């Protein structure tokens, strides 16, 4: 009788050990799976700095800041030798021309995030000129002088004061 009972207990202990091993293997698998998911999430969520610059392009675009609010006001200003508007023309990927008075200043620019910095070697304009560009690249907000003036994308056939 003792032999029969001891065989039963051995079988029960063996079954219990198999179940414990099965649960341990499942936990180990889940731990490794969670670790793998964390690593994959970390790698795919990383963003390179250069990715920020690729979405904004101002190449061959011109932005205008109107100093006059109508054609009549512009004509009057011009009669005194004063411009009606200031403009920035982004010539290519690195060069820009800026006219704030009657002098065209030539500089280089860089884009970082939504900020555009234009640097001049000389001229009658502050250096650097710093702007923030809106998400659809139609407006520049001047930050460097604290004015927050908005320069608008020039559109063919539309006067600066109508932009």
Foldseek 3Di string as FASTA:
>chain_A
DVVVVVVVVVVVVVVVVVVVVVVVVVVVVVVVVVVVVVVVVVVVVDDDQVVLVPQDDQAQWKWKFAPDQDPVRQVVCVVVVFHGIWMKGRHGRFKIWTGPTPDIFIFTWDDGRQKIWTAGPDDDDDHTWIWGADNVRFWTQTPPVPPRGIIGIDDPPDDRNRD
